[in-house]
N, C-alpha and C. Protein backbone atom coordinates (compact mmCIF):
# COMPACT_ATOMS: atom_id res chain seq x y z
N MET A 1 -10.68 18.27 -0.91
CA MET A 1 -10.10 17.87 -2.19
C MET A 1 -8.83 17.05 -1.99
N GLY A 2 -7.96 17.51 -1.06
CA GLY A 2 -6.71 16.81 -0.81
C GLY A 2 -6.94 15.42 -0.26
N LYS A 3 -7.97 15.27 0.58
CA LYS A 3 -8.30 13.98 1.17
C LYS A 3 -8.72 12.99 0.08
N LEU A 4 -9.48 13.46 -0.86
CA LEU A 4 -9.92 12.61 -1.96
C LEU A 4 -8.75 12.14 -2.81
N VAL A 5 -7.79 13.02 -3.03
CA VAL A 5 -6.61 12.65 -3.83
C VAL A 5 -5.84 11.54 -3.15
N TRP A 6 -5.65 11.64 -1.82
CA TRP A 6 -4.90 10.60 -1.11
C TRP A 6 -5.64 9.28 -1.10
N ILE A 7 -6.95 9.31 -1.02
CA ILE A 7 -7.73 8.07 -1.07
C ILE A 7 -7.59 7.43 -2.45
N ILE A 8 -7.63 8.23 -3.50
CA ILE A 8 -7.45 7.71 -4.87
C ILE A 8 -6.06 7.12 -5.03
N VAL A 9 -5.04 7.80 -4.51
CA VAL A 9 -3.67 7.28 -4.60
C VAL A 9 -3.56 5.94 -3.87
N TYR A 10 -4.20 5.83 -2.70
CA TYR A 10 -4.18 4.59 -1.95
C TYR A 10 -4.80 3.45 -2.76
N PHE A 11 -5.93 3.69 -3.38
CA PHE A 11 -6.59 2.64 -4.16
C PHE A 11 -5.79 2.28 -5.41
N ILE A 12 -5.09 3.24 -6.00
CA ILE A 12 -4.23 2.94 -7.14
C ILE A 12 -3.10 2.02 -6.71
N ARG A 13 -2.50 2.30 -5.53
CA ARG A 13 -1.44 1.42 -5.02
C ARG A 13 -1.98 0.02 -4.75
N LEU A 14 -3.18 -0.06 -4.22
CA LEU A 14 -3.79 -1.35 -3.94
C LEU A 14 -4.05 -2.13 -5.23
N ILE A 15 -4.54 -1.45 -6.24
CA ILE A 15 -4.79 -2.09 -7.53
C ILE A 15 -3.49 -2.56 -8.16
N LEU A 16 -2.43 -1.73 -8.08
CA LEU A 16 -1.14 -2.13 -8.62
C LEU A 16 -0.59 -3.35 -7.90
N LEU A 17 -0.80 -3.44 -6.60
CA LEU A 17 -0.35 -4.61 -5.85
C LEU A 17 -1.09 -5.86 -6.32
N ILE A 18 -2.38 -5.76 -6.51
CA ILE A 18 -3.18 -6.91 -6.96
C ILE A 18 -2.76 -7.33 -8.36
N VAL A 19 -2.56 -6.38 -9.25
CA VAL A 19 -2.12 -6.69 -10.61
C VAL A 19 -0.74 -7.33 -10.58
N GLY A 20 0.13 -6.81 -9.73
CA GLY A 20 1.47 -7.38 -9.60
C GLY A 20 1.44 -8.83 -9.15
N ILE A 21 0.50 -9.16 -8.30
CA ILE A 21 0.38 -10.56 -7.85
C ILE A 21 0.09 -11.47 -9.03
N PHE A 22 -0.75 -11.03 -9.94
CA PHE A 22 -1.08 -11.87 -11.09
C PHE A 22 0.01 -11.88 -12.15
N ILE A 23 0.73 -10.79 -12.33
CA ILE A 23 1.77 -10.72 -13.36
C ILE A 23 3.02 -11.48 -12.95
N PHE A 24 3.42 -11.31 -11.69
CA PHE A 24 4.70 -11.86 -11.23
C PHE A 24 4.53 -13.10 -10.36
N GLN A 25 3.55 -13.94 -10.65
CA GLN A 25 3.31 -15.12 -9.83
C GLN A 25 4.49 -16.10 -9.86
N GLU A 26 5.23 -16.16 -10.94
CA GLU A 26 6.32 -17.12 -11.06
C GLU A 26 7.66 -16.56 -10.61
N SER A 27 7.73 -15.30 -10.22
CA SER A 27 8.99 -14.68 -9.79
C SER A 27 9.33 -15.11 -8.37
N ASN A 28 10.56 -15.60 -8.18
CA ASN A 28 10.97 -16.06 -6.84
C ASN A 28 11.04 -14.91 -5.85
N ILE A 29 11.54 -13.76 -6.28
CA ILE A 29 11.63 -12.60 -5.39
C ILE A 29 10.24 -12.17 -4.96
N PHE A 30 9.30 -12.17 -5.89
CA PHE A 30 7.94 -11.77 -5.55
C PHE A 30 7.29 -12.77 -4.61
N LYS A 31 7.55 -14.07 -4.81
CA LYS A 31 7.00 -15.09 -3.91
C LYS A 31 7.53 -14.92 -2.50
N GLN A 32 8.83 -14.62 -2.38
CA GLN A 32 9.42 -14.43 -1.06
C GLN A 32 8.82 -13.20 -0.38
N ARG A 33 8.64 -12.14 -1.13
CA ARG A 33 8.08 -10.90 -0.57
C ARG A 33 6.63 -11.09 -0.17
N ARG A 34 5.88 -11.81 -0.98
CA ARG A 34 4.46 -12.01 -0.71
C ARG A 34 4.25 -12.85 0.55
N THR A 35 5.15 -13.76 0.84
CA THR A 35 4.99 -14.62 2.01
C THR A 35 5.75 -14.10 3.23
N SER A 36 6.44 -12.98 3.09
CA SER A 36 7.22 -12.42 4.19
C SER A 36 6.32 -11.63 5.14
N VAL A 37 6.33 -12.01 6.40
CA VAL A 37 5.55 -11.31 7.41
C VAL A 37 6.09 -9.89 7.60
N LEU A 38 7.42 -9.75 7.60
CA LEU A 38 8.04 -8.44 7.77
C LEU A 38 7.62 -7.48 6.66
N PHE A 39 7.56 -7.96 5.41
CA PHE A 39 7.14 -7.11 4.29
C PHE A 39 5.72 -6.59 4.52
N TRP A 40 4.81 -7.47 4.90
CA TRP A 40 3.42 -7.06 5.08
C TRP A 40 3.26 -6.12 6.27
N LEU A 41 4.04 -6.33 7.34
CA LEU A 41 3.97 -5.41 8.47
C LEU A 41 4.46 -4.02 8.08
N ILE A 42 5.55 -3.96 7.33
CA ILE A 42 6.07 -2.67 6.87
C ILE A 42 5.10 -2.02 5.89
N PHE A 43 4.51 -2.80 4.98
CA PHE A 43 3.56 -2.29 4.00
C PHE A 43 2.32 -1.68 4.68
N ILE A 44 1.76 -2.41 5.63
CA ILE A 44 0.57 -1.93 6.34
C ILE A 44 0.93 -0.72 7.20
N GLY A 45 2.07 -0.79 7.88
CA GLY A 45 2.50 0.32 8.73
C GLY A 45 2.74 1.59 7.94
N SER A 46 3.37 1.46 6.77
CA SER A 46 3.64 2.66 5.97
C SER A 46 2.34 3.26 5.43
N ASN A 47 1.41 2.42 5.04
CA ASN A 47 0.11 2.95 4.59
C ASN A 47 -0.62 3.65 5.73
N TYR A 48 -0.54 3.09 6.92
CA TYR A 48 -1.20 3.71 8.08
C TYR A 48 -0.59 5.07 8.38
N VAL A 49 0.73 5.14 8.40
CA VAL A 49 1.42 6.38 8.74
C VAL A 49 1.13 7.47 7.71
N VAL A 50 1.03 7.10 6.44
CA VAL A 50 0.84 8.10 5.38
C VAL A 50 -0.61 8.52 5.25
N PHE A 51 -1.55 7.59 5.30
CA PHE A 51 -2.92 7.91 4.92
C PHE A 51 -3.88 8.21 6.07
N ILE A 52 -3.66 7.65 7.24
CA ILE A 52 -4.61 7.86 8.34
C ILE A 52 -4.71 9.34 8.75
N PRO A 53 -3.59 10.09 8.86
CA PRO A 53 -3.77 11.52 9.22
C PRO A 53 -4.65 12.28 8.22
N PHE A 54 -4.56 11.96 6.94
CA PHE A 54 -5.40 12.64 5.95
C PHE A 54 -6.86 12.23 6.07
N ILE A 55 -7.09 10.96 6.38
CA ILE A 55 -8.46 10.49 6.53
C ILE A 55 -9.10 11.09 7.78
N LYS A 56 -8.30 11.24 8.85
CA LYS A 56 -8.81 11.84 10.09
C LYS A 56 -8.97 13.35 9.97
N GLY A 57 -8.34 13.94 8.97
CA GLY A 57 -8.45 15.39 8.78
C GLY A 57 -7.36 16.17 9.49
N GLU A 58 -6.32 15.48 9.94
CA GLU A 58 -5.21 16.15 10.60
C GLU A 58 -4.17 16.57 9.57
N ASN A 59 -3.38 17.57 9.94
CA ASN A 59 -2.29 18.00 9.06
C ASN A 59 -1.01 17.35 9.55
N PRO A 60 -0.44 16.40 8.80
CA PRO A 60 0.75 15.70 9.28
C PRO A 60 2.04 16.50 9.11
N PHE A 61 1.96 17.67 8.49
CA PHE A 61 3.20 18.43 8.21
C PHE A 61 3.35 19.55 9.19
């Protein structure tokens, strides 16, 4: 059950990111963040650190 909740939370975050791209297309801050390599590395790394242990079935705590 807990694994399913984390997968749902991950997809909600992904959907919010996609919606944000369409809503804030004209925002300069959003354009800089979207094209920043450092932002995407931190974003992917944080998702990996948070969600992969739950997907693998390990207890991260």
